[in-house]
PDB file of all heavy atoms in Angstrom:
ATOM      1  N   SER A   1      50.309  -1.263  51.151  1.00  0.00           N
ATOM      2  CA  SER A   1      51.356  -0.238  51.066  1.00  0.00           C
ATOM      3  C   SER A   1      51.840   0.209  52.437  1.00  0.00           C
ATOM      4  O   SER A   1      52.762   1.023  52.528  1.00  0.00           O
ATOM      5  CB  SER A   1      50.840   0.971  50.287  1.00  0.00           C
ATOM      6  OG  SER A   1      49.752   1.579  50.965  1.00  0.00           O
ATOM      7  N   GLY A   2      51.216  -0.308  53.496  1.00  0.00           N
ATOM      8  CA  GLY A   2      51.628   0.041  54.849  1.00  0.00           C
ATOM      9  C   GLY A   2      50.846   1.171  55.476  1.00  0.00           C
ATOM     10  O   GLY A   2      51.137   1.572  56.601  1.00  0.00           O
ATOM     11  N   ARG A   3      49.841   1.687  54.776  1.00  0.00           N
ATOM     12  CA  ARG A   3      49.047   2.790  55.316  1.00  0.00           C
ATOM     13  C   ARG A   3      48.133   2.292  56.424  1.00  0.00           C
ATOM     14  O   ARG A   3      47.361   1.368  56.232  1.00  0.00           O
ATOM     15  CB  ARG A   3      48.224   3.434  54.216  1.00  0.00           C
ATOM     16  CG  ARG A   3      47.301   4.537  54.727  1.00  0.00           C
ATOM     17  CD  ARG A   3      46.590   5.250  53.613  1.00  0.00           C
ATOM     18  NE  ARG A   3      45.759   6.336  54.133  1.00  0.00           N
ATOM     19  CZ  ARG A   3      45.141   7.224  53.375  1.00  0.00           C
ATOM     20  NH1 ARG A   3      45.251   7.155  52.059  1.00  0.00           N
ATOM     21  NH2 ARG A   3      44.414   8.181  53.912  1.00  0.00           N
ATOM     22  N   GLU A   4      48.210   2.935  57.587  1.00  0.00           N
ATOM     23  CA  GLU A   4      47.354   2.554  58.705  1.00  0.00           C
ATOM     24  C   GLU A   4      45.952   3.121  58.506  1.00  0.00           C
ATOM     25  O   GLU A   4      45.778   4.262  58.071  1.00  0.00           O
ATOM     26  CB  GLU A   4      47.940   3.074  60.012  1.00  0.00           C
ATOM     27  CG  GLU A   4      47.143   2.670  61.245  1.00  0.00           C
ATOM     28  CD  GLU A   4      47.763   3.171  62.532  1.00  0.00           C
ATOM     29  OE1 GLU A   4      48.839   3.799  62.459  1.00  0.00           O
ATOM     30  OE2 GLU A   4      47.171   2.938  63.596  1.00  0.00           O
ATOM     31  N   VAL A   5      44.947   2.303  58.798  1.00  0.00           N
ATOM     32  CA  VAL A   5      43.552   2.713  58.654  1.00  0.00           C
ATOM     33  C   VAL A   5      42.846   2.450  59.978  1.00  0.00           C
ATOM     34  O   VAL A   5      42.770   1.312  60.430  1.00  0.00           O
ATOM     35  CB  VAL A   5      42.843   1.939  57.519  1.00  0.00           C
ATOM     36  CG1 VAL A   5      41.390   2.375  57.401  1.00  0.00           C
ATOM     37  CG2 VAL A   5      43.567   2.136  56.194  1.00  0.00           C
ATOM     38  N   THR A   6      42.316   3.487  60.578  1.00  0.00           N
ATOM     39  CA  THR A   6      41.522   3.310  61.788  1.00  0.00           C
ATOM     40  C   THR A   6      40.072   3.034  61.399  1.00  0.00           C
ATOM     41  O   THR A   6      39.615   3.485  60.341  1.00  0.00           O
ATOM     42  CB  THR A   6      41.580   4.563  62.672  1.00  0.00           C
ATOM     43  OG1 THR A   6      40.966   5.660  61.980  1.00  0.00           O
ATOM     44  CG2 THR A   6      43.033   4.928  63.005  1.00  0.00           C
ATOM     45  N   PRO A   7      39.324   2.315  62.222  1.00  0.00           N
ATOM     46  CA  PRO A   7      37.915   2.079  61.902  1.00  0.00           C
ATOM     47  C   PRO A   7      37.128   3.371  61.712  1.00  0.00           C
ATOM     48  O   PRO A   7      36.269   3.458  60.825  1.00  0.00           O
ATOM     49  CB  PRO A   7      37.415   1.280  63.107  1.00  0.00           C
ATOM     50  CG  PRO A   7      38.638   0.589  63.638  1.00  0.00           C
ATOM     51  CD  PRO A   7      39.752   1.555  63.415  1.00  0.00           C
ATOM     52  N   ALA A   8      37.433   4.386  62.528  1.00  0.00           N
ATOM     53  CA  ALA A   8      36.702   5.649  62.419  1.00  0.00           C
ATOM     54  C   ALA A   8      36.976   6.336  61.087  1.00  0.00           C
ATOM     55  O   ALA A   8      36.051   6.846  60.433  1.00  0.00           O
ATOM     56  CB  ALA A   8      37.077   6.570  63.576  1.00  0.00           C
ATOM     57  N   TRP A   9      38.236   6.344  60.661  1.00  0.00           N
ATOM     58  CA  TRP A   9      38.540   7.009  59.395  1.00  0.00           C
ATOM     59  C   TRP A   9      38.095   6.171  58.204  1.00  0.00           C
ATOM     60  O   TRP A   9      37.804   6.718  57.122  1.00  0.00           O
ATOM     61  CB  TRP A   9      40.021   7.338  59.282  1.00  0.00           C
ATOM     62  CG  TRP A   9      40.326   8.068  58.008  1.00  0.00           C
ATOM     63  CD1 TRP A   9      41.135   7.668  56.996  1.00  0.00           C
ATOM     64  CD2 TRP A   9      39.789   9.339  57.606  1.00  0.00           C
ATOM     65  NE1 TRP A   9      41.146   8.596  55.987  1.00  0.00           N
ATOM     66  CE2 TRP A   9      40.320   9.637  56.335  1.00  0.00           C
ATOM     67  CE3 TRP A   9      38.902  10.243  58.195  1.00  0.00           C
ATOM     68  CZ2 TRP A   9      40.000  10.811  55.649  1.00  0.00           C
ATOM     69  CZ3 TRP A   9      38.581  11.402  57.498  1.00  0.00           C
ATOM     70  CH2 TRP A   9      39.124  11.663  56.247  1.00  0.00           C
ATOM     71  N   ALA A  10      38.024   4.863  58.353  1.00  0.00           N
ATOM     72  CA  ALA A  10      37.497   4.027  57.280  1.00  0.00           C
ATOM     73  C   ALA A  10      36.098   4.475  56.892  1.00  0.00           C
ATOM     74  O   ALA A  10      35.728   4.497  55.707  1.00  0.00           O
ATOM     75  CB  ALA A  10      37.486   2.556  57.712  1.00  0.00           C
ATOM     76  N   VAL A  11      35.305   4.869  57.899  1.00  0.00           N
ATOM     77  CA  VAL A  11      33.956   5.384  57.650  1.00  0.00           C
ATOM     78  C   VAL A  11      33.988   6.869  57.325  1.00  0.00           C
ATOM     79  O   VAL A  11      33.335   7.337  56.386  1.00  0.00           O
ATOM     80  CB  VAL A  11      33.050   5.127  58.871  1.00  0.00           C
ATOM     81  CG1 VAL A  11      31.700   5.813  58.697  1.00  0.00           C
ATOM     82  CG2 VAL A  11      32.871   3.636  59.084  1.00  0.00           C
ATOM     83  N   GLY A  12      34.759   7.643  58.090  1.00  0.00           N
ATOM     84  CA  GLY A  12      34.789   9.086  57.915  1.00  0.00           C
ATOM     85  C   GLY A  12      35.230   9.509  56.525  1.00  0.00           C
ATOM     86  O   GLY A  12      34.686  10.466  55.955  1.00  0.00           O
ATOM     87  N   GLY A  13      36.198   8.805  55.959  1.00  0.00           N
ATOM     88  CA  GLY A  13      36.663   9.152  54.620  1.00  0.00           C
ATOM     89  C   GLY A  13      35.600   8.994  53.557  1.00  0.00           C
ATOM     90  O   GLY A  13      35.638   9.671  52.522  1.00  0.00           O
ATOM     91  N   LEU A  14      34.646   8.109  53.793  1.00  0.00           N
ATOM     92  CA  LEU A  14      33.565   7.901  52.831  1.00  0.00           C
ATOM     93  C   LEU A  14      32.546   9.038  52.857  1.00  0.00           C
ATOM     94  O   LEU A  14      31.719   9.149  51.951  1.00  0.00           O
ATOM     95  CB  LEU A  14      32.852   6.575  53.130  1.00  0.00           C
ATOM     96  CG  LEU A  14      33.698   5.313  52.977  1.00  0.00           C
ATOM     97  CD1 LEU A  14      32.915   4.094  53.465  1.00  0.00           C
ATOM     98  CD2 LEU A  14      34.126   5.112  51.531  1.00  0.00           C
ATOM     99  N   LEU A  15      32.591   9.883  53.877  1.00  0.00           N
ATOM    100  CA  LEU A  15      31.626  10.971  54.021  1.00  0.00           C
ATOM    101  C   LEU A  15      32.172  12.311  53.545  1.00  0.00           C
ATOM    102  O   LEU A  15      31.458  13.316  53.570  1.00  0.00           O
ATOM    103  CB  LEU A  15      31.192  11.085  55.483  1.00  0.00           C
ATOM    104  CG  LEU A  15      30.614   9.811  56.111  1.00  0.00           C
ATOM    105  CD1 LEU A  15      30.260  10.047  57.576  1.00  0.00           C
ATOM    106  CD2 LEU A  15      29.401   9.318  55.341  1.00  0.00           C
ATOM    107  N   VAL A  16      33.434  12.350  53.123  1.00  0.00           N
ATOM    108  CA  VAL A  16      34.053  13.588  52.662  1.00  0.00           C
ATOM    109  C   VAL A  16      33.818  13.739  51.157  1.00  0.00           C
ATOM    110  O   VAL A  16      34.249  12.881  50.379  1.00  0.00           O
ATOM    111  CB  VAL A  16      35.566  13.598  52.951  1.00  0.00           C
ATOM    112  CG1 VAL A  16      36.201  14.899  52.460  1.00  0.00           C
ATOM    113  CG2 VAL A  16      35.813  13.402  54.440  1.00  0.00           C
ATOM    114  N   PRO A  17      33.127  14.784  50.720  1.00  0.00           N
ATOM    115  CA  PRO A  17      32.861  14.958  49.284  1.00  0.00           C
ATOM    116  C   PRO A  17      34.146  14.983  48.459  1.00  0.00           C
ATOM    117  O   PRO A  17      35.165  15.516  48.891  1.00  0.00           O
ATOM    118  CB  PRO A  17      32.129  16.313  49.225  1.00  0.00           C
ATOM    119  CG  PRO A  17      31.539  16.488  50.593  1.00  0.00           C
ATOM    120  CD  PRO A  17      32.512  15.851  51.532  1.00  0.00           C
ATOM    121  N   LEU A  18      34.078  14.393  47.278  1.00  0.00           N
ATOM    122  CA  LEU A  18      35.175  14.290  46.320  1.00  0.00           C
ATOM    123  C   LEU A  18      36.268  13.331  46.803  1.00  0.00           C
ATOM    124  O   LEU A  18      36.684  12.433  46.074  1.00  0.00           O
ATOM    125  CB  LEU A  18      35.771  15.670  46.005  1.00  0.00           C
ATOM    126  CG  LEU A  18      34.804  16.673  45.349  1.00  0.00           C
ATOM    127  CD1 LEU A  18      35.514  17.982  45.043  1.00  0.00           C
ATOM    128  CD2 LEU A  18      34.198  16.098  44.079  1.00  0.00           C
ATOM    129  N   TYR A  19      36.740  13.539  48.023  1.00  0.00           N
ATOM    130  CA  TYR A  19      37.750  12.615  48.558  1.00  0.00           C
ATOM    131  C   TYR A  19      37.210  11.190  48.600  1.00  0.00           C
ATOM    132  O   TYR A  19      37.961  10.231  48.425  1.00  0.00           O
ATOM    133  CB  TYR A  19      38.184  13.055  49.948  1.00  0.00           C
ATOM    134  CG  TYR A  19      39.196  12.143  50.599  1.00  0.00           C
ATOM    135  CD1 TYR A  19      40.549  12.237  50.277  1.00  0.00           C
ATOM    136  CD2 TYR A  19      38.801  11.191  51.534  1.00  0.00           C
ATOM    137  CE1 TYR A  19      41.481  11.400  50.874  1.00  0.00           C
ATOM    138  CE2 TYR A  19      39.721  10.355  52.136  1.00  0.00           C
ATOM    139  CZ  TYR A  19      41.058  10.465  51.806  1.00  0.00           C
ATOM    140  OH  TYR A  19      41.973   9.624  52.395  1.00  0.00           O
ATOM    141  N   ASN A  20      35.895  11.072  48.835  1.00  0.00           N
ATOM    142  CA  ASN A  20      35.319   9.732  48.941  1.00  0.00           C
ATOM    143  C   ASN A  20      35.381   8.968  47.625  1.00  0.00           C
ATOM    144  O   ASN A  20      35.287   7.737  47.614  1.00  0.00           O
ATOM    145  CB  ASN A  20      33.891   9.784  49.463  1.00  0.00           C
ATOM    146  CG  ASN A  20      32.988  10.658  48.607  1.00  0.00           C
ATOM    147  OD1 ASN A  20      33.372  11.128  47.548  1.00  0.00           O
ATOM    148  ND2 ASN A  20      31.779  10.895  49.098  1.00  0.00           N
ATOM    149  N   LEU A  21      35.543   9.677  46.489  1.00  0.00           N
ATOM    150  CA  LEU A  21      35.691   8.988  45.203  1.00  0.00           C
ATOM    151  C   LEU A  21      36.982   8.180  45.166  1.00  0.00           C
ATOM    152  O   LEU A  21      37.052   7.125  44.520  1.00  0.00           O
ATOM    153  CB  LEU A  21      35.677  10.008  44.056  1.00  0.00           C
ATOM    154  CG  LEU A  21      34.406  10.864  43.938  1.00  0.00           C
ATOM    155  CD1 LEU A  21      34.546  11.837  42.784  1.00  0.00           C
ATOM    156  CD2 LEU A  21      33.175   9.974  43.763  1.00  0.00           C
ATOM    157  N   TYR A  22      37.999   8.692  45.850  1.00  0.00           N
ATOM    158  CA  TYR A  22      39.261   7.942  45.991  1.00  0.00           C
ATOM    159  C   TYR A  22      39.173   6.949  47.143  1.00  0.00           C
ATOM    160  O   TYR A  22      39.591   5.789  47.018  1.00  0.00           O
ATOM    161  CB  TYR A  22      40.412   8.914  46.231  1.00  0.00           C
ATOM    162  CG  TYR A  22      41.561   8.316  47.012  1.00  0.00           C
ATOM    163  CD1 TYR A  22      42.466   7.444  46.409  1.00  0.00           C
ATOM    164  CD2 TYR A  22      41.727   8.597  48.378  1.00  0.00           C
ATOM    165  CE1 TYR A  22      43.512   6.884  47.139  1.00  0.00           C
ATOM    166  CE2 TYR A  22      42.754   8.042  49.107  1.00  0.00           C
ATOM    167  CZ  TYR A  22      43.647   7.179  48.483  1.00  0.00           C
ATOM    168  OH  TYR A  22      44.670   6.619  49.204  1.00  0.00           O
ATOM    169  N   TRP A  23      38.591   7.395  48.257  1.00  0.00           N
ATOM    170  CA  TRP A  23      38.636   6.583  49.470  1.00  0.00           C
ATOM    171  C   TRP A  23      37.818   5.305  49.354  1.00  0.00           C
ATOM    172  O   TRP A  23      38.114   4.312  50.000  1.00  0.00           O
ATOM    173  CB  TRP A  23      38.178   7.411  50.657  1.00  0.00           C
ATOM    174  CG  TRP A  23      38.364   6.722  51.975  1.00  0.00           C
ATOM    175  CD1 TRP A  23      37.411   6.368  52.860  1.00  0.00           C
ATOM    176  CD2 TRP A  23      39.604   6.295  52.547  1.00  0.00           C
ATOM    177  NE1 TRP A  23      37.954   5.753  53.957  1.00  0.00           N
ATOM    178  CE2 TRP A  23      39.303   5.685  53.784  1.00  0.00           C
ATOM    179  CE3 TRP A  23      40.918   6.358  52.124  1.00  0.00           C
ATOM    180  CZ2 TRP A  23      40.286   5.158  54.609  1.00  0.00           C
ATOM    181  CZ3 TRP A  23      41.903   5.818  52.947  1.00  0.00           C
ATOM    182  CH2 TRP A  23      41.579   5.236  54.163  1.00  0.00           C
ATOM    183  N   ILE A  24      36.781   5.332  48.529  1.00  0.00           N
ATOM    184  CA  ILE A  24      35.963   4.126  48.398  1.00  0.00           C
ATOM    185  C   ILE A  24      36.806   2.975  47.849  1.00  0.00           C
ATOM    186  O   ILE A  24      36.646   1.819  48.240  1.00  0.00           O
ATOM    187  CB  ILE A  24      34.732   4.394  47.499  1.00  0.00           C
ATOM    188  CG1 ILE A  24      33.756   3.220  47.592  1.00  0.00           C
ATOM    189  CG2 ILE A  24      35.132   4.646  46.052  1.00  0.00           C
ATOM    190  CD1 ILE A  24      32.450   3.489  46.863  1.00  0.00           C
TER     191      ILE A  24
END
């Protein structure tokens, strides 16, 4: 879809409660 993903946020998003259910 064109969304940029940084390596740091690829990991960081997995550590955010609830949001990680989408981010995984």
